[in-house]
Amino acid sequence: MSLLNLAAGEAAFNRQIEAGEREGRPDRGSRLTNMLGAVGIDQVLVDEPRIAVGEGVVGQLMHQGATLAGGVRLSIRLQAKPRALHAASRANDQHREMSLRAPSGLNRTMSLVQANRTAAPAELESQLEQYRPELIGYCYRMLGSPFEAEDAVQETLLRAWRGYERFEGRAAVRSWIYRIATNVCLDMVEGRNRRARPMDLGPARPPVETNAHWMPEVAWLEPIPDSLLAEEGDPAELAVTRESIRLAFVAALQHLPPRQRAVLILCEVLRWRAKEVAELLKTSVPSVNSALQRARETLEASGVSSNDPVPPMDDARKQLLARYVQAFERYDLSALTSLIQEDARQSMPPYDLWLRGRDDILAWWFGPGIGCRGSRLLPTKGANGCVAFGQYKPSQSGSGRDPWSLLVIETEGDRIGEFTFFLDTARLFPLFGLPPHVD
């Protein structure tokens, strides 16, 4: 019996998971086996014992409050028993694929293997899995969300696994799997609003509290941990990866029609030839070149490029960021003034307000944002090719500090040029491996 660490993510199911609660029961592993066994699981194989699973609801195979501890993803393939799907409209013997994943990571897996399922060859599984980091980067550029990118990659790998018997080697595995990933992403973006930054919604406004409107209904661009992308390889290729996942560039990509977006990423970022892209998209070379030209014109109008360099993390940049952390935690106006570029920008999604200029930024920090005085910043491994911190501000309970934002900082020269405070900490802190509370 082979072990296959592939599963399709279902967005609705994942939202159930993200709303879950952690438990710390010593019988977690056996409880997981018993609970899933009730809905037709043949075997449970676990590579990480620290599992927390909440109460199960069988009706539509949705498990309310299920969460995985320790950054573990649970990839499962289910064959439902008839009694478990009595309310479903599908056949009783239907297979359902779902992904239970902790928002804190994609790197470790658990698998449930169905005894009556013929597995793909081990060598194909290995081939497919090696593309995961670059596929996550590709899907993130297409979709603007690390959570949706993971769902897309899971679906891509599952489709590839299902279709391997029809893959006759007429194309390279990489081209084949990118064709699948592209189709998955195009399906996901069809008929929905593009992801945006506050800068996309209107001009900068004065640092007045009444100008800040909380807009959770907007599909905001979300940051991606650098750790989810390829961390090893050719230095030049890694530099391109960092440059092409910057927030401004990914936001600009969202302005492109989906097929233009795919063409530009494949040609400009991944350096595919027009003929290869035409074969992938099942179109002509002239059509690819035309789409690429239109996409380049749109990006040029936005003022961003995939080739905009990311400053190297040299000693000078490390010292600049260290001074900023000290100044921010002291809330030292004079020191902060010396570290922030005069024309710097700040945004705080899901607020629509964004600020332009050091004076307005500091007016906000020492005005409506004064509650951040006394904050602590915890470093992460980075986001979107930039430095990122978890910001914890003093708790209203009077005990310690609670999550406030994931702060992504972009430097320009010897100053800080942009601050993005992502306030959806319930989703983002687990993804970045940040604790739920600090002293």
Protein backbone atom coordinates (compact mmCIF):
# COMPACT_ATOMS: atom_id res chain seq x y z
CA MET A 1 0.00 0.00 0.00
CA SER A 2 1.53 3.32 -1.08
CA LEU A 3 1.40 6.60 0.75
CA LEU A 4 0.27 9.58 -1.31
CA ASN A 5 0.54 13.02 0.23
CA LEU A 6 -1.81 14.69 -2.22
CA ALA A 7 -5.31 16.02 -1.62
CA ALA A 8 -7.62 18.67 -2.97
CA GLY A 9 -8.45 21.61 -0.72
CA GLU A 10 -12.06 22.67 -0.51
CA ALA A 11 -12.36 26.35 0.35
CA ALA A 12 -15.56 26.03 2.35
CA PHE A 13 -14.11 23.16 4.33
CA ASN A 14 -10.91 25.08 5.00
CA ARG A 15 -12.92 28.00 6.33
CA GLN A 16 -14.47 25.59 8.80
CA ILE A 17 -11.00 24.50 9.82
CA GLU A 18 -9.66 28.04 10.22
CA ALA A 19 -12.50 28.76 12.65
CA GLY A 20 -11.55 25.77 14.80
CA GLU A 21 -10.28 25.56 18.33
CA ARG A 22 -7.14 23.83 19.58
CA GLU A 23 -7.28 21.07 22.14
CA GLY A 24 -4.57 19.38 24.15
CA ARG A 25 -5.95 15.95 24.90
CA PRO A 26 -3.51 13.07 25.34
CA ASP A 27 -5.70 10.65 23.32
CA ARG A 28 -5.77 12.88 20.22
CA GLY A 29 -4.33 10.32 17.81
CA SER A 30 -6.74 7.51 18.65
CA ARG A 31 -9.62 9.97 18.76
CA LEU A 32 -8.79 11.12 15.25
CA THR A 33 -8.74 7.53 14.01
CA ASN A 34 -12.05 6.73 15.67
CA MET A 35 -13.78 9.84 14.45
CA LEU A 36 -12.73 9.48 10.83
CA GLY A 37 -13.33 5.74 10.93
CA ALA A 38 -16.99 6.50 11.52
CA VAL A 39 -17.21 8.03 8.05
CA GLY A 40 -15.42 5.32 6.13
CA ILE A 41 -11.66 5.81 6.50
CA ASP A 42 -9.71 2.62 5.99
CA GLN A 43 -6.36 3.55 7.50
CA VAL A 44 -4.62 6.49 9.17
CA LEU A 45 -0.91 7.07 8.70
CA VAL A 46 0.55 9.86 10.82
CA ASP A 47 3.99 11.46 10.58
CA GLU A 48 3.39 13.94 13.42
CA PRO A 49 1.67 12.84 16.62
CA ARG A 50 0.66 16.25 17.92
CA ILE A 51 -2.86 16.47 16.56
CA ALA A 52 -5.84 18.32 17.99
CA VAL A 53 -9.26 17.59 16.52
CA GLY A 54 -12.54 19.08 17.65
CA GLU A 55 -16.01 17.56 17.52
CA GLY A 56 -16.94 15.89 14.22
CA VAL A 57 -20.15 16.47 12.31
CA VAL A 58 -20.89 13.73 9.79
CA GLY A 59 -23.78 15.28 7.82
CA GLN A 60 -21.74 16.62 4.90
CA LEU A 61 -18.36 15.38 6.16
CA MET A 62 -17.64 18.78 7.64
CA HIS A 63 -15.66 18.65 10.87
CA GLN A 64 -16.53 21.64 13.00
CA GLY A 65 -13.60 23.05 14.95
CA ALA A 66 -10.85 20.79 13.65
CA THR A 67 -7.37 22.22 13.92
CA LEU A 68 -3.91 20.77 13.50
CA ALA A 69 -1.14 21.65 15.92
CA GLY A 70 2.54 22.09 15.18
CA GLY A 71 2.13 23.36 11.61
CA VAL A 72 0.90 20.02 10.31
CA ARG A 73 -1.34 19.59 7.31
CA LEU A 74 -3.70 16.63 7.12
CA SER A 75 -4.23 15.43 3.57
CA ILE A 76 -7.06 12.92 3.35
CA ARG A 77 -8.99 10.92 0.83
CA LEU A 78 -12.39 9.75 2.00
CA GLN A 79 -14.77 7.09 0.83
CA ALA A 80 -18.02 7.91 2.56
CA LYS A 81 -20.30 5.26 3.99
CA PRO A 82 -23.90 5.50 2.84
CA ARG A 83 -25.21 6.49 6.25
CA ALA A 84 -22.74 9.36 6.44
CA LEU A 85 -23.99 10.92 3.23
CA HIS A 86 -27.71 10.37 3.56
CA ALA A 87 -28.27 14.12 3.10
CA ALA A 88 -25.98 14.40 0.10
CA SER A 89 -27.28 14.36 -3.43
CA ARG A 90 -24.36 12.38 -4.78
CA ALA A 91 -23.96 8.62 -5.07
CA ASN A 92 -23.22 6.79 -1.86
CA ASP A 93 -19.93 5.40 -3.10
CA GLN A 94 -18.57 8.77 -4.17
CA HIS A 95 -15.04 9.69 -3.18
CA ARG A 96 -14.52 13.02 -1.50
CA GLU A 97 -11.17 14.73 -1.25
CA MET A 98 -10.55 17.35 1.38
CA SER A 99 -7.63 19.06 3.00
CA LEU A 100 -7.48 19.75 6.71
CA ARG A 101 -4.60 22.14 7.11
CA ALA A 102 -3.28 24.31 9.83
CA PRO A 103 -2.95 27.92 8.68
CA SER A 104 0.59 27.75 10.04
CA GLY A 105 2.22 25.78 7.30
CA LEU A 106 2.33 23.57 4.25
CA ASN A 107 5.53 21.66 4.84
CA ARG A 108 4.55 18.58 6.81
CA THR A 109 1.83 16.14 5.96
CA MET A 110 -0.33 13.37 7.29
CA SER A 111 -2.04 11.00 4.93
CA LEU A 112 -5.00 8.68 5.02
CA VAL A 113 -4.67 5.87 2.50
CA GLN A 114 -7.70 4.12 1.13
CA ALA A 115 -7.18 0.37 0.98
CA ASN A 116 -9.06 -0.13 -2.28
CA ARG A 117 -7.35 2.69 -4.15
CA THR A 118 -4.56 1.98 -6.64
CA ALA A 119 -1.85 4.53 -5.92
CA ALA A 120 0.24 6.36 -8.50
CA PRO A 121 3.80 5.15 -8.93
CA ALA A 122 6.15 6.38 -6.24
CA GLU A 123 8.40 8.01 -8.80
CA LEU A 124 5.51 10.09 -10.16
CA GLU A 125 4.50 11.13 -6.66
CA SER A 126 8.07 12.29 -6.02
CA GLN A 127 8.14 14.17 -9.31
CA LEU A 128 4.89 15.95 -8.58
CA GLU A 129 5.74 16.88 -5.01
CA GLN A 130 9.04 18.51 -5.98
CA TYR A 131 7.11 21.20 -7.84
CA ARG A 132 5.11 22.27 -4.80
CA PRO A 133 7.19 25.36 -3.78
CA GLU A 134 7.35 26.84 -7.28
CA LEU A 135 3.68 26.04 -7.90
CA ILE A 136 2.74 27.86 -4.71
CA GLY A 137 4.65 30.90 -5.98
CA TYR A 138 2.95 30.70 -9.38
CA CYS A 139 -0.54 30.27 -7.95
CA TYR A 140 0.06 33.05 -5.42
CA ARG A 141 0.94 35.48 -8.20
CA MET A 142 -2.20 34.42 -10.02
CA LEU A 143 -4.54 34.56 -7.00
CA GLY A 144 -3.04 37.04 -4.51
CA SER A 145 -3.66 34.83 -1.46
CA PRO A 146 -1.41 32.18 0.12
CA PHE A 147 -4.47 30.26 1.32
CA GLU A 148 -6.01 30.14 -2.14
CA ALA A 149 -2.60 29.33 -3.62
CA GLU A 150 -2.34 26.31 -1.35
CA ASP A 151 -5.83 25.18 -2.30
CA ALA A 152 -4.93 25.56 -5.98
CA VAL A 153 -1.72 23.56 -5.61
CA GLN A 154 -3.49 20.80 -3.72
CA GLU A 155 -6.11 20.61 -6.47
CA THR A 156 -3.37 20.66 -9.13
CA LEU A 157 -1.47 17.79 -7.58
CA LEU A 158 -4.61 15.75 -7.12
CA ARG A 159 -5.67 16.28 -10.74
CA ALA A 160 -2.18 15.31 -11.87
CA TRP A 161 -2.34 12.17 -9.74
CA ARG A 162 -5.75 11.28 -11.10
CA GLY A 163 -4.66 11.86 -14.68
CA TYR A 164 -1.23 10.27 -14.63
CA GLU A 165 -2.46 7.24 -16.55
CA ARG A 166 -3.45 9.54 -19.43
CA PHE A 167 -0.11 11.36 -19.33
CA GLU A 168 1.90 9.68 -22.05
CA GLY A 169 5.07 11.73 -21.89
CA ARG A 170 4.13 13.87 -24.89
CA ALA A 171 5.19 16.91 -22.86
CA ALA A 172 7.60 17.50 -20.00
CA VAL A 173 6.13 16.84 -16.57
CA ARG A 174 6.74 20.48 -15.62
CA SER A 175 4.76 21.77 -18.64
CA TRP A 176 1.98 19.30 -17.95
CA ILE A 177 1.61 20.23 -14.29
CA TYR A 178 1.78 23.97 -15.03
CA ARG A 179 -1.04 23.53 -17.55
CA ILE A 180 -3.12 21.94 -14.80
CA ALA A 181 -2.21 24.68 -12.30
CA THR A 182 -3.08 27.41 -14.80
CA ASN A 183 -6.50 25.90 -15.48
CA VAL A 184 -7.17 25.54 -11.75
CA CYS A 185 -6.30 29.21 -11.16
CA LEU A 186 -8.37 30.40 -14.11
CA ASP A 187 -11.33 28.48 -12.74
CA MET A 188 -10.84 30.00 -9.29
CA VAL A 189 -10.72 33.63 -10.45
CA GLU A 190 -13.65 33.37 -12.84
CA GLY A 191 -16.44 35.75 -11.95
CA ARG A 192 -14.90 37.14 -8.77
CA ASN A 193 -13.50 40.52 -7.80
CA ARG A 194 -9.76 40.97 -8.01
CA ARG A 195 -7.70 41.23 -4.85
CA ALA A 196 -6.69 44.76 -3.99
CA ARG A 197 -4.60 46.99 -1.75
CA PRO A 198 -5.93 50.19 -0.17
CA MET A 199 -3.99 52.15 -2.82
CA ASP A 200 -6.22 50.57 -5.48
CA LEU A 201 -9.39 52.01 -3.95
CA GLY A 202 -8.58 55.70 -4.00
CA PRO A 203 -6.03 58.42 -3.19
CA ALA A 204 -4.16 58.91 0.05
CA ARG A 205 -6.12 60.86 2.65
CA PRO A 206 -5.28 62.83 5.79
CA PRO A 207 -4.44 60.88 8.99
CA VAL A 208 -7.88 61.35 10.55
CA GLU A 209 -9.74 58.49 12.21
CA THR A 210 -12.97 59.19 10.34
CA ASN A 211 -11.14 58.56 7.06
CA ALA A 212 -10.43 54.94 8.03
CA HIS A 213 -13.25 52.58 7.07
CA TRP A 214 -13.13 48.92 8.08
CA MET A 215 -13.95 46.95 4.91
CA PRO A 216 -13.72 43.19 5.49
CA GLU A 217 -15.95 42.57 2.49
CA VAL A 218 -13.15 43.60 0.11
CA ALA A 219 -10.98 40.79 -1.25
CA TRP A 220 -7.66 42.14 0.03
CA LEU A 221 -4.27 41.08 -1.23
CA GLU A 222 -2.68 38.85 1.41
CA PRO A 223 1.02 38.36 2.23
CA ILE A 224 2.81 35.07 1.71
CA PRO A 225 5.61 33.73 3.93
CA ASP A 226 8.93 33.47 2.12
CA SER A 227 9.34 30.06 3.76
CA LEU A 228 6.58 28.62 1.54
CA LEU A 229 8.57 29.37 -1.59
CA ALA A 230 11.76 27.83 -2.93
CA GLU A 231 14.52 28.57 -0.42
CA GLU A 232 17.37 26.90 -2.29
CA GLY A 233 18.62 27.06 -5.85
CA ASP A 234 20.35 29.36 -8.27
CA PRO A 235 20.91 32.80 -6.62
CA ALA A 236 19.71 34.60 -9.75
CA GLU A 237 16.49 32.59 -9.81
CA LEU A 238 15.90 33.19 -6.10
CA ALA A 239 16.38 36.94 -6.68
CA VAL A 240 13.72 36.84 -9.43
CA THR A 241 11.40 35.00 -7.04
CA ARG A 242 11.79 37.72 -4.38
CA GLU A 243 11.30 40.53 -6.89
CA SER A 244 8.22 38.97 -8.46
CA ILE A 245 6.30 38.37 -5.22
CA ARG A 246 6.59 41.90 -3.87
CA LEU A 247 3.24 43.25 -2.78
CA ALA A 248 3.17 46.05 -5.35
CA PHE A 249 3.96 43.67 -8.22
CA VAL A 250 1.41 41.02 -7.20
CA ALA A 251 -1.19 43.76 -6.73
CA ALA A 252 -0.44 45.08 -10.22
CA LEU A 253 -0.87 41.57 -11.63
CA GLN A 254 -4.41 41.49 -10.26
CA HIS A 255 -5.32 44.35 -12.64
CA LEU A 256 -4.66 42.08 -15.62
CA PRO A 257 -7.29 39.80 -17.13
CA PRO A 258 -6.56 36.26 -15.89
CA ARG A 259 -5.14 34.88 -19.15
CA GLN A 260 -2.93 37.95 -19.62
CA ARG A 261 -1.80 37.48 -16.04
CA ALA A 262 -0.82 33.87 -16.75
CA VAL A 263 1.01 34.85 -19.94
CA LEU A 264 3.01 37.57 -18.23
CA ILE A 265 3.99 35.38 -15.26
CA LEU A 266 5.01 32.50 -17.50
CA CYS A 267 6.97 34.67 -19.94
CA GLU A 268 8.41 37.42 -17.75
CA VAL A 269 8.87 35.66 -14.41
CA LEU A 270 9.36 32.00 -15.31
CA ARG A 271 11.06 32.80 -18.64
CA TRP A 272 9.01 30.43 -20.77
CA ARG A 273 9.15 30.86 -24.54
CA ALA A 274 6.06 32.10 -26.34
CA LYS A 275 5.72 28.75 -28.11
CA GLU A 276 5.71 26.89 -24.76
CA VAL A 277 3.08 29.25 -23.34
CA ALA A 278 0.96 28.90 -26.48
CA GLU A 279 1.03 25.12 -26.11
CA LEU A 280 0.13 25.38 -22.43
CA LEU A 281 -2.82 27.71 -23.07
CA LYS A 282 -3.80 25.92 -26.31
CA THR A 283 -3.57 29.08 -28.35
CA SER A 284 -1.27 30.57 -31.01
CA VAL A 285 2.12 32.23 -30.62
CA PRO A 286 0.79 35.55 -32.04
CA SER A 287 -2.01 35.48 -29.44
CA VAL A 288 0.53 34.96 -26.66
CA ASN A 289 2.73 37.79 -27.92
CA SER A 290 -0.28 40.11 -28.19
CA ALA A 291 -1.44 39.28 -24.64
CA LEU A 292 2.09 39.78 -23.35
CA GLN A 293 2.37 43.19 -24.98
CA ARG A 294 -0.95 44.35 -23.50
CA ALA A 295 0.04 43.05 -20.07
CA ARG A 296 3.39 44.87 -20.22
CA GLU A 297 1.63 48.11 -21.11
CA THR A 298 -0.73 47.77 -18.15
CA LEU A 299 2.13 47.10 -15.74
CA GLU A 300 4.17 49.97 -17.15
CA ALA A 301 1.25 52.31 -16.50
CA SER A 302 1.19 51.13 -12.87
CA GLY A 303 4.87 51.92 -12.43
CA VAL A 304 5.97 48.47 -11.28
CA SER A 305 8.00 45.71 -12.90
CA SER A 306 9.01 42.15 -12.14
CA ASN A 307 12.60 43.38 -12.48
CA ASP A 308 12.48 46.01 -9.72
CA PRO A 309 15.38 44.95 -7.48
CA VAL A 310 14.90 43.96 -3.85
CA PRO A 311 17.64 45.51 -1.68
CA PRO A 312 20.08 42.89 -0.40
CA MET A 313 20.02 42.04 3.29
CA ASP A 314 23.47 43.47 3.94
CA ASP A 315 24.86 44.81 7.21
CA ALA A 316 23.58 48.33 6.55
CA ARG A 317 20.03 47.09 5.99
CA LYS A 318 20.18 44.86 9.08
CA GLN A 319 21.32 47.82 11.18
CA LEU A 320 18.55 50.03 9.75
CA LEU A 321 15.88 47.49 10.68
CA ALA A 322 17.37 46.91 14.14
CA ARG A 323 17.29 50.66 14.79
CA TYR A 324 13.69 50.79 13.60
CA VAL A 325 12.61 47.99 15.96
CA GLN A 326 14.25 49.75 18.90
CA ALA A 327 12.74 53.11 17.97
CA PHE A 328 9.25 51.68 17.43
CA GLU A 329 9.23 49.73 20.68
CA ARG A 330 10.34 52.90 22.53
CA TYR A 331 7.89 54.94 20.44
CA ASP A 332 10.70 57.44 19.98
CA LEU A 333 9.44 60.19 17.66
CA SER A 334 12.86 61.66 16.95
CA ALA A 335 14.44 58.30 16.12
CA LEU A 336 11.50 57.22 13.97
CA THR A 337 11.63 60.49 12.04
CA SER A 338 15.25 59.84 11.12
CA LEU A 339 14.51 56.30 9.87
CA ILE A 340 11.43 56.88 7.68
CA GLN A 341 11.69 58.22 4.16
CA GLU A 342 10.01 61.56 3.59
CA ASP A 343 7.62 60.19 0.93
CA ALA A 344 6.97 56.85 2.68
CA ARG A 345 3.60 55.10 2.45
CA GLN A 346 1.47 53.20 4.96
CA SER A 347 -1.60 51.00 4.59
CA MET A 348 -3.61 48.88 7.04
CA PRO A 349 -5.97 46.42 5.32
CA PRO A 350 -8.83 45.81 5.91
CA TYR A 351 -8.99 49.59 6.48
CA ASP A 352 -9.30 51.45 3.20
CA LEU A 353 -7.23 54.41 4.44
CA TRP A 354 -3.66 54.73 3.27
CA LEU A 355 -1.18 57.47 4.03
CA ARG A 356 1.53 59.14 2.01
CA GLY A 357 4.41 61.00 3.62
CA ARG A 358 6.39 60.64 6.84
CA ASP A 359 4.58 63.49 8.54
CA ASP A 360 1.16 61.93 8.00
CA ILE A 361 2.38 58.50 9.07
CA LEU A 362 3.79 59.82 12.34
CA ALA A 363 0.70 61.99 12.87
CA TRP A 364 -1.34 58.78 12.74
CA TRP A 365 1.01 56.86 15.04
CA PHE A 366 0.95 59.59 17.67
CA GLY A 367 -2.74 60.37 17.11
CA PRO A 368 -5.39 57.75 16.31
CA GLY A 369 -2.79 54.99 16.47
CA ILE A 370 -1.39 55.89 19.88
CA GLY A 371 -2.68 52.57 21.23
CA CYS A 372 0.34 50.96 19.58
CA ARG A 373 2.68 52.63 22.04
CA GLY A 374 4.33 49.88 24.06
CA SER A 375 4.12 47.33 21.24
CA ARG A 376 6.61 44.54 20.67
CA LEU A 377 7.83 43.33 17.28
CA LEU A 378 8.71 39.68 16.73
CA PRO A 379 10.68 38.83 13.58
CA THR A 380 9.45 36.30 11.02
CA LYS A 381 11.29 34.62 8.17
CA GLY A 382 9.97 37.31 5.85
CA ALA A 383 6.99 37.98 3.60
CA ASN A 384 6.86 38.74 -0.12
CA GLY A 385 10.63 39.02 -0.30
CA CYS A 386 10.65 41.67 2.44
CA VAL A 387 11.24 41.84 6.16
CA ALA A 388 8.13 41.14 8.25
CA PHE A 389 7.31 41.34 11.95
CA GLY A 390 4.46 40.25 14.14
CA GLN A 391 3.28 43.32 16.05
CA TYR A 392 1.76 42.82 19.51
CA LYS A 393 0.26 45.79 21.26
CA PRO A 394 -0.64 46.06 24.97
CA SER A 395 -3.66 43.92 25.82
CA GLN A 396 -6.83 45.62 26.99
CA SER A 397 -6.91 42.99 29.74
CA GLY A 398 -3.77 44.55 31.19
CA SER A 399 -1.85 41.29 30.88
CA GLY A 400 0.83 41.04 28.21
CA ARG A 401 0.35 41.91 24.55
CA ASP A 402 -2.11 40.68 21.95
CA PRO A 403 -1.65 40.34 18.17
CA TRP A 404 -2.31 43.52 16.26
CA SER A 405 -0.73 43.22 12.81
CA LEU A 406 1.66 41.45 10.53
CA LEU A 407 3.95 44.30 9.53
CA VAL A 408 5.71 44.08 6.15
CA ILE A 409 8.48 46.65 5.71
CA GLU A 410 10.06 47.76 2.44
CA THR A 411 13.28 49.72 2.51
CA GLU A 412 14.52 52.21 -0.05
CA GLY A 413 18.14 53.21 0.20
CA ASP A 414 19.03 53.95 3.83
CA ARG A 415 15.45 54.63 4.92
CA ILE A 416 12.14 52.77 5.27
CA GLY A 417 9.87 53.44 2.31
CA GLU A 418 6.68 51.54 3.03
CA PHE A 419 4.75 49.99 5.91
CA THR A 420 1.92 47.51 5.37
CA PHE A 421 0.08 46.51 8.54
CA PHE A 422 -2.06 43.43 7.80
CA LEU A 423 -4.62 43.31 10.60
CA ASP A 424 -6.17 39.88 9.96
CA THR A 425 -3.98 38.27 12.60
CA ALA A 426 -6.35 35.35 13.22
CA ARG A 427 -5.47 34.01 9.76
CA LEU A 428 -1.97 35.33 9.27
CA PHE A 429 -0.22 34.76 12.60
CA PRO A 430 -0.58 30.95 12.49
CA LEU A 431 0.56 30.98 8.86
CA PHE A 432 3.73 32.84 9.85
CA GLY A 433 4.33 30.74 12.95
CA LEU A 434 3.67 33.59 15.40
CA PRO A 435 2.38 32.98 18.93
CA PRO A 436 -1.13 34.07 19.97
CA HIS A 437 0.11 36.19 22.90
CA VAL A 438 3.38 37.59 24.29
CA ASP A 439 4.38 39.19 27.58
